[in-house]
C-alpha cells in the first residue's frame, strides 16, 4: 500500500465530497467512492491522532525541562 500524506488524503476526500454534492458521481461509482472516502478518513484520523500524540510528548518534555530549570534556582 502506498503511503499518502495528510494533505493529499484530505484534498482527495474534499474532491469526492464535492463530486457527491454536485451530483457528479453516478450510482455505479458511488460504492467505490464511499469506500475510498472511508479509507481517506481513516488515514486522516490516524495521522491526526499520531500528530496529537507527538505534540503531547513534546509538551511534556518541555514541561519537564522547565521544571528542572526552575529547580536549579
PDB file of N, CA and C in Angstrom:
ATOM      1  N   UNK A   1       0.833  -1.186   0.000  1.00  0.00           N
ATOM      2  CA  UNK A   1       0.000   0.000   0.000  1.00  0.00           C
ATOM      3  C   UNK A   1       0.878   1.250   0.000  1.00  0.00           C
ATOM      4  N   UNK A   2       0.567   2.180  -0.840  1.00  0.00           N
ATOM      5  CA  UNK A   2       1.350   3.404  -0.954  1.00  0.00           C
ATOM      6  C   UNK A   2       0.954   4.363   0.165  1.00  0.00           C
ATOM      7  N   UNK A   3       1.955   4.912   0.838  1.00  0.00           N
ATOM      8  CA  UNK A   3       1.717   5.890   1.914  1.00  0.00           C
ATOM      9  C   UNK A   3       1.284   7.220   1.292  1.00  0.00           C
ATOM     10  N   UNK A   4       0.228   7.787   1.827  1.00  0.00           N
ATOM     11  CA  UNK A   4      -0.282   9.062   1.346  1.00  0.00           C
ATOM     12  C   UNK A   4      -0.215  10.053   2.511  1.00  0.00           C
ATOM     13  N   UNK A   5       0.212  11.270   2.226  1.00  0.00           N
ATOM     14  CA  UNK A   5       0.305  12.235   3.315  1.00  0.00           C
ATOM     15  C   UNK A   5      -1.067  12.825   3.610  1.00  0.00           C
ATOM     16  N   UNK A   6      -1.157  13.497   4.740  1.00  0.00           N
ATOM     17  CA  UNK A   6      -2.433  14.036   5.210  1.00  0.00           C
ATOM     18  C   UNK A   6      -3.059  14.974   4.183  1.00  0.00           C
ATOM     19  N   UNK A   7      -2.281  15.894   3.662  1.00  0.00           N
ATOM     20  CA  UNK A   7      -2.831  16.899   2.760  1.00  0.00           C
ATOM     21  C   UNK A   7      -3.413  16.271   1.492  1.00  0.00           C
ATOM     22  N   UNK A   8      -2.707  15.291   0.944  1.00  0.00           N
ATOM     23  CA  UNK A   8      -3.206  14.624  -0.259  1.00  0.00           C
ATOM     24  C   UNK A   8      -4.492  13.854   0.040  1.00  0.00           C
ATOM     25  N   UNK A   9      -4.520  13.180   1.187  1.00  0.00           N
ATOM     26  CA  UNK A   9      -5.720  12.435   1.578  1.00  0.00           C
ATOM     27  C   UNK A   9      -6.893  13.394   1.784  1.00  0.00           C
ATOM     28  N   UNK A  10      -6.647  14.501   2.462  1.00  0.00           N
ATOM     29  CA  UNK A  10      -7.687  15.486   2.718  1.00  0.00           C
ATOM     30  C   UNK A  10      -8.202  16.105   1.415  1.00  0.00           C
ATOM     31  N   UNK A  11      -7.288  16.439   0.522  1.00  0.00           N
ATOM     32  CA  UNK A  11      -7.679  17.027  -0.765  1.00  0.00           C
ATOM     33  C   UNK A  11      -8.522  16.052  -1.589  1.00  0.00           C
ATOM     34  N   UNK A  12      -8.104  14.797  -1.619  1.00  0.00           N
ATOM     35  CA  UNK A  12      -8.863  13.795  -2.369  1.00  0.00           C
ATOM     36  C   UNK A  12     -10.252  13.610  -1.752  1.00  0.00           C
ATOM     37  N   UNK A  13     -10.306  13.603  -0.431  1.00  0.00           N
ATOM     38  CA  UNK A  13     -11.585  13.479   0.259  1.00  0.00           C
ATOM     39  C   UNK A  13     -12.498  14.658  -0.078  1.00  0.00           C
ATOM     40  N   UNK A  14     -11.943  15.850  -0.092  1.00  0.00           N
ATOM     41  CA  UNK A  14     -12.733  17.028  -0.457  1.00  0.00           C
ATOM     42  C   UNK A  14     -13.256  16.926  -1.883  1.00  0.00           C
ATOM     43  N   UNK A  15     -12.447  16.398  -2.795  1.00  0.00           N
ATOM     44  CA  UNK A  15     -12.875  16.219  -4.183  1.00  0.00           C
ATOM     45  C   UNK A  15     -14.054  15.247  -4.268  1.00  0.00           C
ATOM     46  N   UNK A  16     -13.971  14.153  -3.519  1.00  0.00           N
ATOM     47  CA  UNK A  16     -15.050  13.164  -3.522  1.00  0.00           C
ATOM     48  C   UNK A  16     -16.336  13.791  -2.981  1.00  0.00           C
ATOM     49  N   UNK A  17     -16.219  14.492  -1.863  1.00  0.00           N
ATOM     50  CA  UNK A  17     -17.397  15.131  -1.268  1.00  0.00           C
ATOM     51  C   UNK A  17     -17.991  16.157  -2.233  1.00  0.00           C
ATOM     52  N   UNK A  18     -17.143  16.940  -2.845  1.00  0.00           N
ATOM     53  CA  UNK A  18     -17.610  17.947  -3.809  1.00  0.00           C
ATOM     54  C   UNK A  18     -18.339  17.294  -4.977  1.00  0.00           C
ATOM     55  N   UNK A  19     -17.764  16.208  -5.506  1.00  0.00           N
ATOM     56  CA  UNK A  19     -18.411  15.494  -6.608  1.00  0.00           C
ATOM     57  C   UNK A  19     -19.763  14.932  -6.184  1.00  0.00           C
ATOM     58  N   UNK A  20     -19.845  14.435  -4.959  1.00  0.00           N
ATOM     59  CA  UNK A  20     -21.114  13.897  -4.451  1.00  0.00           C
ATOM     60  C   UNK A  20     -22.149  15.019  -4.315  1.00  0.00           C
ATOM     61  N   UNK A  21     -21.713  16.130  -3.779  1.00  0.00           N
ATOM     62  CA  UNK A  21     -22.629  17.253  -3.595  1.00  0.00           C
ATOM     63  C   UNK A  21     -23.121  17.805  -4.926  1.00  0.00           C
ATOM     64  N   UNK A  22     -22.259  17.774  -5.918  1.00  0.00           N
ATOM     65  CA  UNK A  22     -22.619  18.292  -7.236  1.00  0.00           C
ATOM     66  C   UNK A  22     -23.377  17.270  -8.083  1.00  0.00           C
ATOM     67  N   UNK A  23     -23.544  16.071  -7.547  1.00  0.00           N
ATOM     68  CA  UNK A  23     -24.236  15.025  -8.285  1.00  0.00           C
ATOM     69  C   UNK A  23     -23.431  14.474  -9.441  1.00  0.00           C
ATOM     70  N   UNK A  24     -22.101  14.572  -9.362  1.00  0.00           N
ATOM     71  CA  UNK A  24     -21.233  14.133 -10.463  1.00  0.00           C
ATOM     72  C   UNK A  24     -20.837  12.660 -10.371  1.00  0.00           C
ATOM     73  N   UNK A  25     -21.298  11.980  -9.327  1.00  0.00           N
ATOM     74  CA  UNK A  25     -20.951  10.570  -9.171  1.00  0.00           C
ATOM     75  C   UNK A  25     -22.197   9.756  -9.486  1.00  0.00           C
ATOM     76  N   UNK A  26     -22.066   8.870 -10.460  1.00  0.00           N
ATOM     77  CA  UNK A  26     -23.216   8.034 -10.808  1.00  0.00           C
ATOM     78  C   UNK A  26     -23.330   6.870  -9.827  1.00  0.00           C
ATOM     79  N   UNK A  27     -24.443   6.196  -9.887  1.00  0.00           N
ATOM     80  CA  UNK A  27     -24.736   5.112  -8.954  1.00  0.00           C
ATOM     81  C   UNK A  27     -23.675   4.014  -9.027  1.00  0.00           C
ATOM     82  N   UNK A  28     -23.170   3.755 -10.204  1.00  0.00           N
ATOM     83  CA  UNK A  28     -22.166   2.710 -10.369  1.00  0.00           C
ATOM     84  C   UNK A  28     -20.855   3.044  -9.656  1.00  0.00           C
ATOM     85  N   UNK A  29     -20.540   4.310  -9.550  1.00  0.00           N
ATOM     86  CA  UNK A  29     -19.292   4.747  -8.902  1.00  0.00           C
ATOM     87  C   UNK A  29     -19.467   4.983  -7.402  1.00  0.00           C
ATOM     88  N   UNK A  30     -20.693   5.138  -6.959  1.00  0.00           N
ATOM     89  CA  UNK A  30     -20.954   5.571  -5.594  1.00  0.00           C
ATOM     90  C   UNK A  30     -20.323   4.673  -4.536  1.00  0.00           C
ATOM     91  N   UNK A  31     -20.523   3.384  -4.632  1.00  0.00           N
ATOM     92  CA  UNK A  31     -19.971   2.456  -3.636  1.00  0.00           C
ATOM     93  C   UNK A  31     -18.447   2.547  -3.588  1.00  0.00           C
ATOM     94  N   UNK A  32     -17.829   2.632  -4.762  1.00  0.00           N
ATOM     95  CA  UNK A  32     -16.367   2.737  -4.829  1.00  0.00           C
ATOM     96  C   UNK A  32     -15.890   4.039  -4.187  1.00  0.00           C
ATOM     97  N   UNK A  33     -16.579   5.136  -4.462  1.00  0.00           N
ATOM     98  CA  UNK A  33     -16.193   6.439  -3.899  1.00  0.00           C
ATOM     99  C   UNK A  33     -16.405   6.477  -2.390  1.00  0.00           C
ATOM    100  N   UNK A  34     -17.487   5.880  -1.914  1.00  0.00           N
ATOM    101  CA  UNK A  34     -17.741   5.840  -0.471  1.00  0.00           C
ATOM    102  C   UNK A  34     -16.666   5.011   0.225  1.00  0.00           C
ATOM    103  N   UNK A  35     -16.284   3.904  -0.381  1.00  0.00           N
ATOM    104  CA  UNK A  35     -15.218   3.069   0.185  1.00  0.00           C
ATOM    105  C   UNK A  35     -13.900   3.847   0.237  1.00  0.00           C
ATOM    106  N   UNK A  36     -13.579   4.535  -0.837  1.00  0.00           N
ATOM    107  CA  UNK A  36     -12.338   5.325  -0.866  1.00  0.00           C
ATOM    108  C   UNK A  36     -12.398   6.456   0.158  1.00  0.00           C
ATOM    109  N   UNK A  37     -13.553   7.105   0.270  1.00  0.00           N
ATOM    110  CA  UNK A  37     -13.706   8.179   1.259  1.00  0.00           C
ATOM    111  C   UNK A  37     -13.486   7.642   2.664  1.00  0.00           C
ATOM    112  N   UNK A  38     -13.991   6.449   2.936  1.00  0.00           N
ATOM    113  CA  UNK A  38     -13.800   5.828   4.251  1.00  0.00           C
ATOM    114  C   UNK A  38     -12.320   5.582   4.515  1.00  0.00           C
ATOM    115  N   UNK A  39     -11.597   5.114   3.519  1.00  0.00           N
ATOM    116  CA  UNK A  39     -10.149   4.892   3.662  1.00  0.00           C
ATOM    117  C   UNK A  39      -9.425   6.216   3.937  1.00  0.00           C
ATOM    118  N   UNK A  40      -9.816   7.251   3.211  1.00  0.00           N
ATOM    119  CA  UNK A  40      -9.165   8.558   3.375  1.00  0.00           C
ATOM    120  C   UNK A  40      -9.448   9.147   4.755  1.00  0.00           C
ATOM    121  N   UNK A  41     -10.662   8.981   5.238  1.00  0.00           N
ATOM    122  CA  UNK A  41     -10.999   9.458   6.581  1.00  0.00           C
ATOM    123  C   UNK A  41     -10.148   8.730   7.616  1.00  0.00           C
ATOM    124  N   UNK A  42      -9.985   7.423   7.449  1.00  0.00           N
ATOM    125  CA  UNK A  42      -9.158   6.639   8.377  1.00  0.00           C
ATOM    126  C   UNK A  42      -7.709   7.131   8.351  1.00  0.00           C
ATOM    127  N   UNK A  43      -7.179   7.383   7.171  1.00  0.00           N
ATOM    128  CA  UNK A  43      -5.810   7.884   7.036  1.00  0.00           C
ATOM    129  C   UNK A  43      -5.666   9.224   7.756  1.00  0.00           C
ATOM    130  N   UNK A  44      -6.591  10.144   7.508  1.00  0.00           N
ATOM    131  CA  UNK A  44      -6.526  11.469   8.139  1.00  0.00           C
ATOM    132  C   UNK A  44      -6.628  11.355   9.648  1.00  0.00           C
ATOM    133  N   UNK A  45      -7.564  10.537  10.114  1.00  0.00           N
ATOM    134  CA  UNK A  45      -7.743  10.363  11.563  1.00  0.00           C
ATOM    135  C   UNK A  45      -6.483   9.793  12.204  1.00  0.00           C
ATOM    136  N   UNK A  46      -5.893   8.783  11.583  1.00  0.00           N
ATOM    137  CA  UNK A  46      -4.676   8.175  12.130  1.00  0.00           C
ATOM    138  C   UNK A  46      -3.524   9.180  12.181  1.00  0.00           C
ATOM    139  N   UNK A  47      -3.399   9.980  11.137  1.00  0.00           N
ATOM    140  CA  UNK A  47      -2.317  10.969  11.113  1.00  0.00           C
ATOM    141  C   UNK A  47      -2.543  12.057  12.156  1.00  0.00           C
ATOM    142  N   UNK A  48      -3.788  12.483  12.327  1.00  0.00           N
ATOM    143  CA  UNK A  48      -4.090  13.495  13.345  1.00  0.00           C
ATOM    144  C   UNK A  48      -3.844  12.949  14.744  1.00  0.00           C
ATOM    145  N   UNK A  49      -4.227  11.704  14.976  1.00  0.00           N
ATOM    146  CA  UNK A  49      -4.005  11.076  16.282  1.00  0.00           C
ATOM    147  C   UNK A  49      -2.506  10.952  16.574  1.00  0.00           C
ATOM    148  N   UNK A  50      -1.750  10.537  15.578  1.00  0.00           N
ATOM    149  CA  UNK A  50      -0.299  10.413  15.755  1.00  0.00           C
ATOM    150  C   UNK A  50       0.333  11.773  16.024  1.00  0.00           C
ATOM    151  N   UNK A  51      -0.103  12.789  15.305  1.00  0.00           N
ATOM    152  CA  UNK A  51       0.432  14.134  15.494  1.00  0.00           C
ATOM    153  C   UNK A  51       0.087  14.657  16.883  1.00  0.00           C
ATOM    154  N   UNK A  52      -1.137  14.404  17.307  1.00  0.00           N
ATOM    155  CA  UNK A  52      -1.544  14.829  18.653  1.00  0.00           C
ATOM    156  C   UNK A  52      -0.667  14.167  19.715  1.00  0.00           C
ATOM    157  N   UNK A  53      -0.388  12.883  19.534  1.00  0.00           N
ATOM    158  CA  UNK A  53       0.496  12.178  20.468  1.00  0.00           C
ATOM    159  C   UNK A  53       1.894  12.778  20.490  1.00  0.00           C
ATOM    160  N   UNK A  54       2.415  13.105  19.319  1.00  0.00           N
ATOM    161  CA  UNK A  54       3.744  13.716  19.235  1.00  0.00           C
ATOM    162  C   UNK A  54       3.771  15.077  19.934  1.00  0.00           C
ATOM    163  N   UNK A  55       2.736  15.876  19.712  1.00  0.00           N
ATOM    164  CA  UNK A  55       2.665  17.204  20.339  1.00  0.00           C
ATOM    165  C   UNK A  55       2.578  17.066  21.860  1.00  0.00           C
ATOM    166  N   UNK A  56       1.764  16.138  22.339  1.00  0.00           N
ATOM    167  CA  UNK A  56       1.644  15.928  23.783  1.00  0.00           C
ATOM    168  C   UNK A  56       2.985  15.499  24.386  1.00  0.00           C
ATOM    169  N   UNK A  57       3.705  14.639  23.682  1.00  0.00           N
ATOM    170  CA  UNK A  57       5.016  14.185  24.159  1.00  0.00           C
ATOM    171  C   UNK A  57       5.983  15.363  24.240  1.00  0.00           C
ATOM    172  N   UNK A  58       5.997  16.203  23.213  1.00  0.00           N
ATOM    173  CA  UNK A  58       6.882  17.373  23.192  1.00  0.00           C
ATOM    174  C   UNK A  58       6.525  18.330  24.328  1.00  0.00           C
ATOM    175  N   UNK A  59       5.240  18.549  24.533  1.00  0.00           N
ATOM    176  CA  UNK A  59       4.820  19.454  25.610  1.00  0.00           C
ATOM    177  C   UNK A  59       5.225  18.918  26.976  1.00  0.00           C
ATOM    178  N   UNK A  60       5.106  17.612  27.185  1.00  0.00           N
ATOM    179  CA  UNK A  60       5.533  17.006  28.457  1.00  0.00           C
ATOM    180  C   UNK A  60       7.035  17.159  28.648  1.00  0.00           C
ATOM    181  N   UNK A  61       7.798  16.967  27.569  1.00  0.00           N
ATOM    182  CA  UNK A  61       9.246  17.120  27.656  1.00  0.00           C
ATOM    183  C   UNK A  61       9.625  18.565  27.987  1.00  0.00           C
ATOM    184  N   UNK A  62       8.940  19.522  27.364  1.00  0.00           N
ATOM    185  CA  UNK A  62       9.199  20.935  27.659  1.00  0.00           C
ATOM    186  C   UNK A  62       8.825  21.273  29.089  1.00  0.00           C
ATOM    187  N   UNK A  63       7.711  20.727  29.544  1.00  0.00           N
ATOM    188  CA  UNK A  63       7.265  20.958  30.911  1.00  0.00           C
ATOM    189  C   UNK A  63       8.285  20.403  31.906  1.00  0.00           C
ATOM    190  N   UNK A  64       8.785  19.202  31.631  1.00  0.00           N
ATOM    191  CA  UNK A  64       9.788  18.597  32.494  1.00  0.00           C
ATOM    192  C   UNK A  64      11.071  19.413  32.483  1.00  0.00           C
ATOM    193  N   UNK A  65      11.453  19.893  31.313  1.00  0.00           N
ATOM    194  CA  UNK A  65      12.655  20.697  31.205  1.00  0.00           C
ATOM    195  C   UNK A  65      12.499  22.008  31.981  1.00  0.00           C
ATOM    196  N   UNK A  66      11.335  22.633  31.868  1.00  0.00           N
ATOM    197  CA  UNK A  66      11.071  23.869  32.615  1.00  0.00           C
ATOM    198  C   UNK A  66      11.101  23.640  34.113  1.00  0.00           C
ATOM    199  N   UNK A  67      10.590  22.512  34.550  1.00  0.00           N
ATOM    200  CA  UNK A  67      10.603  22.172  35.983  1.00  0.00           C
ATOM    201  C   UNK A  67      12.035  22.003  36.468  1.00  0.00           C
ATOM    202  N   UNK A  68      12.858  21.348  35.656  1.00  0.00           N
ATOM    203  CA  UNK A  68      14.274  21.164  36.016  1.00  0.00           C
ATOM    204  C   UNK A  68      14.991  22.494  36.051  1.00  0.00           C
ATOM    205  N   UNK A  69      14.721  23.369  35.077  1.00  0.00           N
ATOM    206  CA  UNK A  69      15.356  24.672  35.029  1.00  0.00           C
ATOM    207  C   UNK A  69      14.959  25.515  36.229  1.00  0.00           C
ATOM    208  N   UNK A  70      13.712  25.466  36.622  1.00  0.00           N
ATOM    209  CA  UNK A  70      13.233  26.245  37.751  1.00  0.00           C
ATOM    210  C   UNK A  70      13.740  25.706  39.077  1.00  0.00           C
ATOM    211  N   UNK A  71      14.017  24.405  39.164  1.00  0.00           N
ATOM    212  CA  UNK A  71      14.508  23.835  40.410  1.00  0.00           C
ATOM    213  C   UNK A  71      15.989  24.137  40.629  1.00  0.00           C
ATOM    214  N   UNK A  72      16.685  24.579  39.593  1.00  0.00           N
ATOM    215  CA  UNK A  72      18.103  24.900  39.702  1.00  0.00           C
ATOM    216  C   UNK A  72      18.325  26.291  40.301  1.00  0.00           C
ATOM    217  N   UNK A  73      17.269  27.067  40.490  1.00  0.00           N
ATOM    218  CA  UNK A  73      17.421  28.409  41.039  1.00  0.00           C
ATOM    219  C   UNK A  73      17.331  28.417  42.511  1.00  0.00           C
TER     220      UNK A  73
END
